[in-house]
N, C-alpha and C. Protein backbone atom coordinates (compact mmCIF):
# COMPACT_ATOMS: atom_id res chain seq x y z
N MET A 1 0.84 -1.16 0.00
CA MET A 1 0.00 0.00 0.00
C MET A 1 0.89 1.24 0.00
N SER A 2 0.54 2.20 -0.82
CA SER A 2 1.39 3.38 -0.93
C SER A 2 1.07 4.38 0.18
N LEU A 3 2.00 5.28 0.36
CA LEU A 3 1.85 6.31 1.38
C LEU A 3 0.66 7.21 1.06
N ARG A 4 0.47 7.48 -0.23
CA ARG A 4 -0.64 8.35 -0.65
C ARG A 4 -1.99 7.73 -0.29
N ARG A 5 -2.17 6.44 -0.49
CA ARG A 5 -3.43 5.76 -0.13
C ARG A 5 -3.63 5.76 1.38
N SER A 6 -2.55 5.53 2.10
CA SER A 6 -2.64 5.53 3.57
C SER A 6 -3.06 6.88 4.09
N LEU A 7 -2.45 7.94 3.53
CA LEU A 7 -2.81 9.28 3.97
C LEU A 7 -4.20 9.67 3.51
N GLY A 8 -4.65 9.15 2.40
CA GLY A 8 -5.99 9.46 1.90
C GLY A 8 -7.07 8.90 2.80
N GLY A 9 -6.85 7.75 3.39
CA GLY A 9 -7.84 7.14 4.28
C GLY A 9 -7.78 7.64 5.71
N LEU A 10 -6.74 8.40 6.03
CA LEU A 10 -6.56 8.87 7.40
C LEU A 10 -7.68 9.79 7.89
N PRO A 11 -8.11 10.79 7.10
CA PRO A 11 -9.20 11.65 7.60
C PRO A 11 -10.49 10.88 7.88
N ALA A 12 -10.83 9.95 7.01
CA ALA A 12 -12.05 9.16 7.23
C ALA A 12 -11.93 8.31 8.49
N SER A 13 -10.76 7.73 8.69
CA SER A 13 -10.54 6.92 9.90
C SER A 13 -10.63 7.78 11.15
N LEU A 14 -10.02 8.96 11.10
CA LEU A 14 -10.06 9.85 12.26
C LEU A 14 -11.47 10.33 12.56
N LEU A 15 -12.24 10.64 11.51
CA LEU A 15 -13.63 11.07 11.72
C LEU A 15 -14.46 9.94 12.31
N GLY A 16 -14.26 8.72 11.82
CA GLY A 16 -14.98 7.58 12.36
C GLY A 16 -14.63 7.34 13.82
N LEU A 17 -13.36 7.46 14.13
CA LEU A 17 -12.89 7.30 15.51
C LEU A 17 -13.50 8.36 16.41
N MET A 18 -13.49 9.61 15.97
CA MET A 18 -14.05 10.69 16.78
C MET A 18 -15.56 10.53 16.96
N ARG A 19 -16.25 10.09 15.91
CA ARG A 19 -17.70 9.88 16.01
C ARG A 19 -18.02 8.82 17.06
N THR A 20 -17.28 7.73 17.05
CA THR A 20 -17.49 6.66 18.02
C THR A 20 -17.26 7.17 19.44
N ARG A 21 -16.20 7.91 19.62
CA ARG A 21 -15.88 8.42 20.95
C ARG A 21 -16.91 9.43 21.43
N LEU A 22 -17.40 10.27 20.54
CA LEU A 22 -18.43 11.24 20.94
C LEU A 22 -19.76 10.55 21.25
N GLU A 23 -20.08 9.48 20.54
CA GLU A 23 -21.28 8.71 20.86
C GLU A 23 -21.17 8.10 22.25
N LEU A 24 -19.99 7.56 22.58
CA LEU A 24 -19.77 7.01 23.91
C LEU A 24 -19.92 8.09 24.97
N LEU A 25 -19.36 9.26 24.72
CA LEU A 25 -19.46 10.37 25.66
C LEU A 25 -20.91 10.79 25.85
N SER A 26 -21.68 10.88 24.77
CA SER A 26 -23.08 11.29 24.89
C SER A 26 -23.91 10.25 25.64
N LEU A 27 -23.62 8.96 25.42
CA LEU A 27 -24.33 7.92 26.17
C LEU A 27 -24.03 8.01 27.65
N GLU A 28 -22.77 8.21 27.99
CA GLU A 28 -22.41 8.34 29.41
C GLU A 28 -23.03 9.58 30.03
N ALA A 29 -23.08 10.67 29.28
CA ALA A 29 -23.68 11.90 29.81
C ALA A 29 -25.18 11.70 30.05
N ALA A 30 -25.86 11.02 29.15
CA ALA A 30 -27.29 10.78 29.32
C ALA A 30 -27.54 9.88 30.52
N GLU A 31 -26.72 8.84 30.69
CA GLU A 31 -26.87 7.96 31.85
C GLU A 31 -26.63 8.73 33.15
N GLU A 32 -25.61 9.57 33.16
CA GLU A 32 -25.29 10.35 34.35
C GLU A 32 -26.43 11.32 34.68
N LYS A 33 -26.99 11.95 33.67
CA LYS A 33 -28.09 12.89 33.88
C LYS A 33 -29.31 12.16 34.45
N SER A 34 -29.66 11.03 33.88
CA SER A 34 -30.81 10.26 34.37
C SER A 34 -30.60 9.82 35.81
N ARG A 35 -29.40 9.34 36.11
CA ARG A 35 -29.10 8.87 37.45
C ARG A 35 -29.19 10.01 38.46
N LEU A 36 -28.67 11.17 38.10
CA LEU A 36 -28.71 12.31 39.01
C LEU A 36 -30.13 12.81 39.25
N ILE A 37 -30.96 12.83 38.22
CA ILE A 37 -32.34 13.28 38.38
C ILE A 37 -33.10 12.34 39.31
N VAL A 38 -32.93 11.03 39.10
CA VAL A 38 -33.60 10.06 39.96
C VAL A 38 -33.12 10.20 41.41
N LEU A 39 -31.81 10.33 41.58
CA LEU A 39 -31.26 10.47 42.93
C LEU A 39 -31.77 11.74 43.62
N LEU A 40 -31.83 12.84 42.90
CA LEU A 40 -32.32 14.08 43.49
C LEU A 40 -33.79 13.99 43.88
N CYS A 41 -34.61 13.37 43.05
CA CYS A 41 -36.02 13.21 43.37
C CYS A 41 -36.20 12.31 44.59
N LEU A 42 -35.47 11.21 44.62
CA LEU A 42 -35.56 10.31 45.78
C LEU A 42 -35.08 10.99 47.05
N ALA A 43 -34.00 11.73 46.94
CA ALA A 43 -33.46 12.43 48.11
C ALA A 43 -34.45 13.48 48.62
N ALA A 44 -35.08 14.22 47.72
CA ALA A 44 -36.05 15.24 48.13
C ALA A 44 -37.25 14.60 48.81
N ALA A 45 -37.76 13.52 48.25
CA ALA A 45 -38.90 12.82 48.87
C ALA A 45 -38.53 12.26 50.24
N ALA A 46 -37.34 11.68 50.32
CA ALA A 46 -36.89 11.12 51.60
C ALA A 46 -36.72 12.21 52.64
N LEU A 47 -36.15 13.34 52.27
CA LEU A 47 -35.98 14.45 53.21
C LEU A 47 -37.32 14.99 53.68
N LEU A 48 -38.27 15.10 52.80
CA LEU A 48 -39.59 15.59 53.19
C LEU A 48 -40.24 14.64 54.18
N CYS A 49 -40.23 13.34 53.88
CA CYS A 49 -40.83 12.36 54.78
C CYS A 49 -40.11 12.32 56.13
N LEU A 50 -38.80 12.37 56.10
CA LEU A 50 -38.05 12.35 57.36
C LEU A 50 -38.28 13.61 58.19
N ALA A 51 -38.39 14.74 57.53
CA ALA A 51 -38.66 15.98 58.27
C ALA A 51 -40.03 15.94 58.93
N LEU A 52 -41.03 15.44 58.21
CA LEU A 52 -42.37 15.33 58.80
C LEU A 52 -42.38 14.33 59.96
N ALA A 53 -41.71 13.20 59.78
CA ALA A 53 -41.65 12.20 60.85
C ALA A 53 -40.93 12.77 62.07
N LEU A 54 -39.87 13.49 61.84
CA LEU A 54 -39.12 14.09 62.94
C LEU A 54 -39.96 15.12 63.69
N LEU A 55 -40.71 15.90 62.97
CA LEU A 55 -41.58 16.89 63.59
C LEU A 55 -42.65 16.22 64.46
N VAL A 56 -43.29 15.21 63.94
CA VAL A 56 -44.32 14.50 64.69
C VAL A 56 -43.73 13.79 65.90
N PHE A 57 -42.59 13.16 65.72
CA PHE A 57 -41.92 12.45 66.82
C PHE A 57 -41.53 13.42 67.93
N THR A 58 -40.96 14.56 67.56
CA THR A 58 -40.57 15.56 68.55
C THR A 58 -41.78 16.11 69.29
N ALA A 59 -42.86 16.39 68.58
CA ALA A 59 -44.07 16.90 69.22
C ALA A 59 -44.66 15.86 70.17
N ALA A 60 -44.64 14.59 69.79
CA ALA A 60 -45.17 13.53 70.65
C ALA A 60 -44.37 13.42 71.94
N ILE A 61 -43.06 13.48 71.84
CA ILE A 61 -42.22 13.39 73.05
C ILE A 61 -42.40 14.64 73.91
N ALA A 62 -42.48 15.81 73.29
CA ALA A 62 -42.67 17.05 74.05
C ALA A 62 -44.00 17.03 74.79
N VAL A 63 -45.06 16.58 74.14
CA VAL A 63 -46.37 16.50 74.78
C VAL A 63 -46.36 15.48 75.91
N ALA A 64 -45.69 14.35 75.70
CA ALA A 64 -45.65 13.30 76.72
C ALA A 64 -44.83 13.74 77.94
N CYS A 65 -43.79 14.52 77.74
CA CYS A 65 -42.91 14.92 78.85
C CYS A 65 -43.28 16.27 79.46
N TRP A 66 -44.22 16.99 78.87
CA TRP A 66 -44.48 18.35 79.33
C TRP A 66 -44.94 18.43 80.80
N PRO A 67 -45.80 17.54 81.26
CA PRO A 67 -46.22 17.68 82.65
C PRO A 67 -45.13 17.30 83.66
N THR A 68 -44.05 16.70 83.22
CA THR A 68 -43.00 16.27 84.14
C THR A 68 -41.91 17.33 84.25
N GLU A 69 -41.01 17.13 85.18
CA GLU A 69 -39.90 18.07 85.35
C GLU A 69 -38.75 17.82 84.37
N HIS A 70 -38.85 16.76 83.58
CA HIS A 70 -37.78 16.40 82.64
C HIS A 70 -38.06 16.84 81.20
N ARG A 71 -39.00 17.74 81.02
CA ARG A 71 -39.38 18.13 79.66
C ARG A 71 -38.24 18.79 78.90
N TYR A 72 -37.47 19.63 79.56
CA TYR A 72 -36.36 20.31 78.88
C TYR A 72 -35.21 19.34 78.59
N LEU A 73 -34.99 18.40 79.46
CA LEU A 73 -33.98 17.38 79.23
C LEU A 73 -34.35 16.51 78.02
N ALA A 74 -35.63 16.15 77.93
CA ALA A 74 -36.09 15.33 76.79
C ALA A 74 -35.89 16.08 75.49
N LEU A 75 -36.24 17.36 75.45
CA LEU A 75 -36.07 18.15 74.23
C LEU A 75 -34.59 18.34 73.89
N ALA A 76 -33.75 18.54 74.91
CA ALA A 76 -32.31 18.69 74.66
C ALA A 76 -31.71 17.38 74.13
N CYS A 77 -32.13 16.25 74.66
CA CYS A 77 -31.63 14.96 74.16
C CYS A 77 -32.05 14.74 72.71
N LEU A 78 -33.29 15.08 72.39
CA LEU A 78 -33.74 14.95 70.99
C LEU A 78 -32.93 15.85 70.07
N GLY A 79 -32.69 17.07 70.50
CA GLY A 79 -31.88 17.99 69.69
C GLY A 79 -30.48 17.47 69.47
N GLY A 80 -29.87 16.92 70.50
CA GLY A 80 -28.54 16.33 70.37
C GLY A 80 -28.53 15.13 69.44
N LEU A 81 -29.55 14.29 69.58
CA LEU A 81 -29.66 13.11 68.71
C LEU A 81 -29.79 13.53 67.25
N TYR A 82 -30.64 14.52 66.97
CA TYR A 82 -30.82 14.99 65.60
C TYR A 82 -29.52 15.58 65.04
N THR A 83 -28.78 16.27 65.88
CA THR A 83 -27.51 16.85 65.45
C THR A 83 -26.51 15.76 65.08
N VAL A 84 -26.41 14.73 65.91
CA VAL A 84 -25.47 13.62 65.64
C VAL A 84 -25.86 12.90 64.35
N ILE A 85 -27.14 12.64 64.18
CA ILE A 85 -27.60 11.96 62.96
C ILE A 85 -27.32 12.82 61.73
N GLY A 86 -27.61 14.11 61.82
CA GLY A 86 -27.35 15.02 60.69
C GLY A 86 -25.88 15.09 60.32
N LEU A 87 -25.02 15.17 61.32
CA LEU A 87 -23.58 15.21 61.04
C LEU A 87 -23.09 13.90 60.43
N ALA A 88 -23.62 12.78 60.92
CA ALA A 88 -23.23 11.49 60.35
C ALA A 88 -23.66 11.38 58.89
N LEU A 89 -24.85 11.85 58.58
CA LEU A 89 -25.32 11.82 57.19
C LEU A 89 -24.50 12.74 56.29
N LEU A 90 -24.15 13.92 56.79
CA LEU A 90 -23.31 14.82 56.01
C LEU A 90 -21.93 14.20 55.75
N TYR A 91 -21.38 13.52 56.75
CA TYR A 91 -20.09 12.85 56.57
C TYR A 91 -20.20 11.77 55.50
N LYS A 92 -21.30 11.00 55.52
CA LYS A 92 -21.48 9.94 54.52
C LYS A 92 -21.58 10.53 53.11
N VAL A 93 -22.33 11.62 52.97
CA VAL A 93 -22.46 12.26 51.65
C VAL A 93 -21.11 12.75 51.17
N ARG A 94 -20.36 13.40 52.04
CA ARG A 94 -19.02 13.90 51.68
C ARG A 94 -18.10 12.77 51.26
N ARG A 95 -18.12 11.67 52.02
CA ARG A 95 -17.27 10.52 51.71
C ARG A 95 -17.66 9.87 50.38
N ASP A 96 -18.98 9.73 50.15
CA ASP A 96 -19.43 9.15 48.89
C ASP A 96 -19.05 10.01 47.69
N LEU A 97 -19.13 11.32 47.84
CA LEU A 97 -18.74 12.21 46.74
C LEU A 97 -17.24 12.13 46.47
N ALA A 98 -16.45 11.99 47.52
CA ALA A 98 -15.00 11.93 47.36
C ALA A 98 -14.54 10.60 46.77
N GLU A 99 -15.23 9.51 47.08
CA GLU A 99 -14.80 8.18 46.63
C GLU A 99 -15.41 7.77 45.29
N ARG A 100 -16.37 8.51 44.80
CA ARG A 100 -17.03 8.16 43.56
C ARG A 100 -16.05 8.32 42.39
N PRO A 101 -16.09 7.38 41.45
CA PRO A 101 -15.19 7.54 40.29
C PRO A 101 -15.56 8.77 39.47
N ALA A 102 -14.59 9.24 38.74
CA ALA A 102 -14.80 10.45 37.93
C ALA A 102 -15.87 10.19 36.87
N PRO A 103 -16.68 11.21 36.56
CA PRO A 103 -17.65 11.05 35.48
C PRO A 103 -16.93 10.81 34.15
N PHE A 104 -17.55 10.07 33.29
CA PHE A 104 -17.01 9.76 31.96
C PHE A 104 -15.71 8.98 32.03
N ALA A 105 -15.57 8.12 33.01
CA ALA A 105 -14.35 7.34 33.17
C ALA A 105 -14.13 6.40 31.98
N ALA A 106 -15.20 5.82 31.45
CA ALA A 106 -15.05 4.92 30.30
C ALA A 106 -14.54 5.67 29.08
N THR A 107 -15.06 6.86 28.84
CA THR A 107 -14.61 7.66 27.70
C THR A 107 -13.13 8.03 27.86
N LEU A 108 -12.75 8.46 29.06
CA LEU A 108 -11.36 8.81 29.29
C LEU A 108 -10.44 7.61 29.12
N ASP A 109 -10.90 6.44 29.55
CA ASP A 109 -10.11 5.23 29.40
C ASP A 109 -9.91 4.87 27.92
N VAL A 110 -10.99 4.95 27.16
CA VAL A 110 -10.90 4.63 25.72
C VAL A 110 -10.00 5.63 25.01
N LEU A 111 -10.14 6.91 25.32
CA LEU A 111 -9.29 7.92 24.69
C LEU A 111 -7.82 7.72 25.07
N GLY A 112 -7.55 7.32 26.30
CA GLY A 112 -6.18 7.03 26.71
C GLY A 112 -5.59 5.87 25.92
N ARG A 113 -6.41 4.83 25.72
CA ARG A 113 -5.93 3.70 24.91
C ARG A 113 -5.70 4.11 23.46
N ASP A 114 -6.57 5.00 22.94
CA ASP A 114 -6.39 5.49 21.57
C ASP A 114 -5.06 6.25 21.44
N VAL A 115 -4.78 7.11 22.39
CA VAL A 115 -3.53 7.88 22.35
C VAL A 115 -2.33 6.95 22.42
N ALA A 116 -2.39 5.95 23.30
CA ALA A 116 -1.29 5.01 23.42
C ALA A 116 -1.09 4.23 22.12
N ALA A 117 -2.19 3.82 21.49
CA ALA A 117 -2.09 3.08 20.23
C ALA A 117 -1.52 3.96 19.12
N LEU A 118 -1.94 5.22 19.06
CA LEU A 118 -1.42 6.12 18.04
C LEU A 118 0.07 6.41 18.26
N GLU A 119 0.46 6.57 19.53
CA GLU A 119 1.88 6.78 19.81
C GLU A 119 2.71 5.56 19.42
N GLN A 120 2.18 4.38 19.71
CA GLN A 120 2.89 3.16 19.36
C GLN A 120 2.98 3.01 17.84
N ALA A 121 1.89 3.32 17.14
CA ALA A 121 1.90 3.23 15.67
C ALA A 121 2.86 4.27 15.09
N GLY A 122 2.93 5.44 15.68
CA GLY A 122 3.84 6.48 15.20
C GLY A 122 5.29 6.06 15.37
N ARG A 123 5.59 5.41 16.50
CA ARG A 123 6.96 4.92 16.71
C ARG A 123 7.30 3.81 15.73
N ALA A 124 6.32 2.94 15.44
CA ALA A 124 6.56 1.84 14.50
C ALA A 124 6.77 2.38 13.08
N ASP A 125 5.97 3.40 12.69
CA ASP A 125 6.11 3.98 11.36
C ASP A 125 7.42 4.74 11.22
N ALA A 126 7.90 5.35 12.29
CA ALA A 126 9.15 6.11 12.23
C ALA A 126 10.35 5.18 12.06
N GLY A 127 10.20 3.94 12.47
CA GLY A 127 11.31 3.01 12.38
C GLY A 127 11.46 2.33 11.03
N ARG A 128 10.46 2.48 10.14
CA ARG A 128 10.57 1.85 8.82
C ARG A 128 10.28 2.86 7.72
N THR A 129 10.71 2.55 6.53
CA THR A 129 10.50 3.47 5.41
C THR A 129 9.63 2.78 4.39
N ASP A 130 8.92 3.54 3.59
CA ASP A 130 8.03 3.01 2.57
C ASP A 130 8.75 3.03 1.23
N PRO A 131 9.01 1.88 0.61
CA PRO A 131 9.74 1.87 -0.66
C PRO A 131 8.93 2.44 -1.83
N GLU A 132 7.59 2.48 -1.75
CA GLU A 132 6.76 2.99 -2.84
C GLU A 132 6.64 4.50 -2.85
N ALA A 133 7.01 5.16 -1.76
CA ALA A 133 6.81 6.60 -1.66
C ALA A 133 7.76 7.36 -2.56
């Protein structure tokens, strides 16, 4: 195969390669968007339900302890418990965000392999000459 034919097919090959990579990127972006929307909706619903349950639970304990001398202690213990639970949940969210793999990891991996293959092919081509050129 001559150098001219090889160079003639290069743009088409590069465009095909870029199209494939962009399709992979768009698929990953769509999956990430869908996953985030579902997670946000679930988180919002869970927070609303937990806030309502917490309000009812706190009111029930306050009403039950109000006639006694320990009413302020009961409310302080509930406040401390809610604070500890909230801090633990914030720590879990922070840890999950820090440990989560980078978005578009598959695309970055494929592009890295493409670069390595092109560098290897460039080194191989530099080591030989084309007698037809």
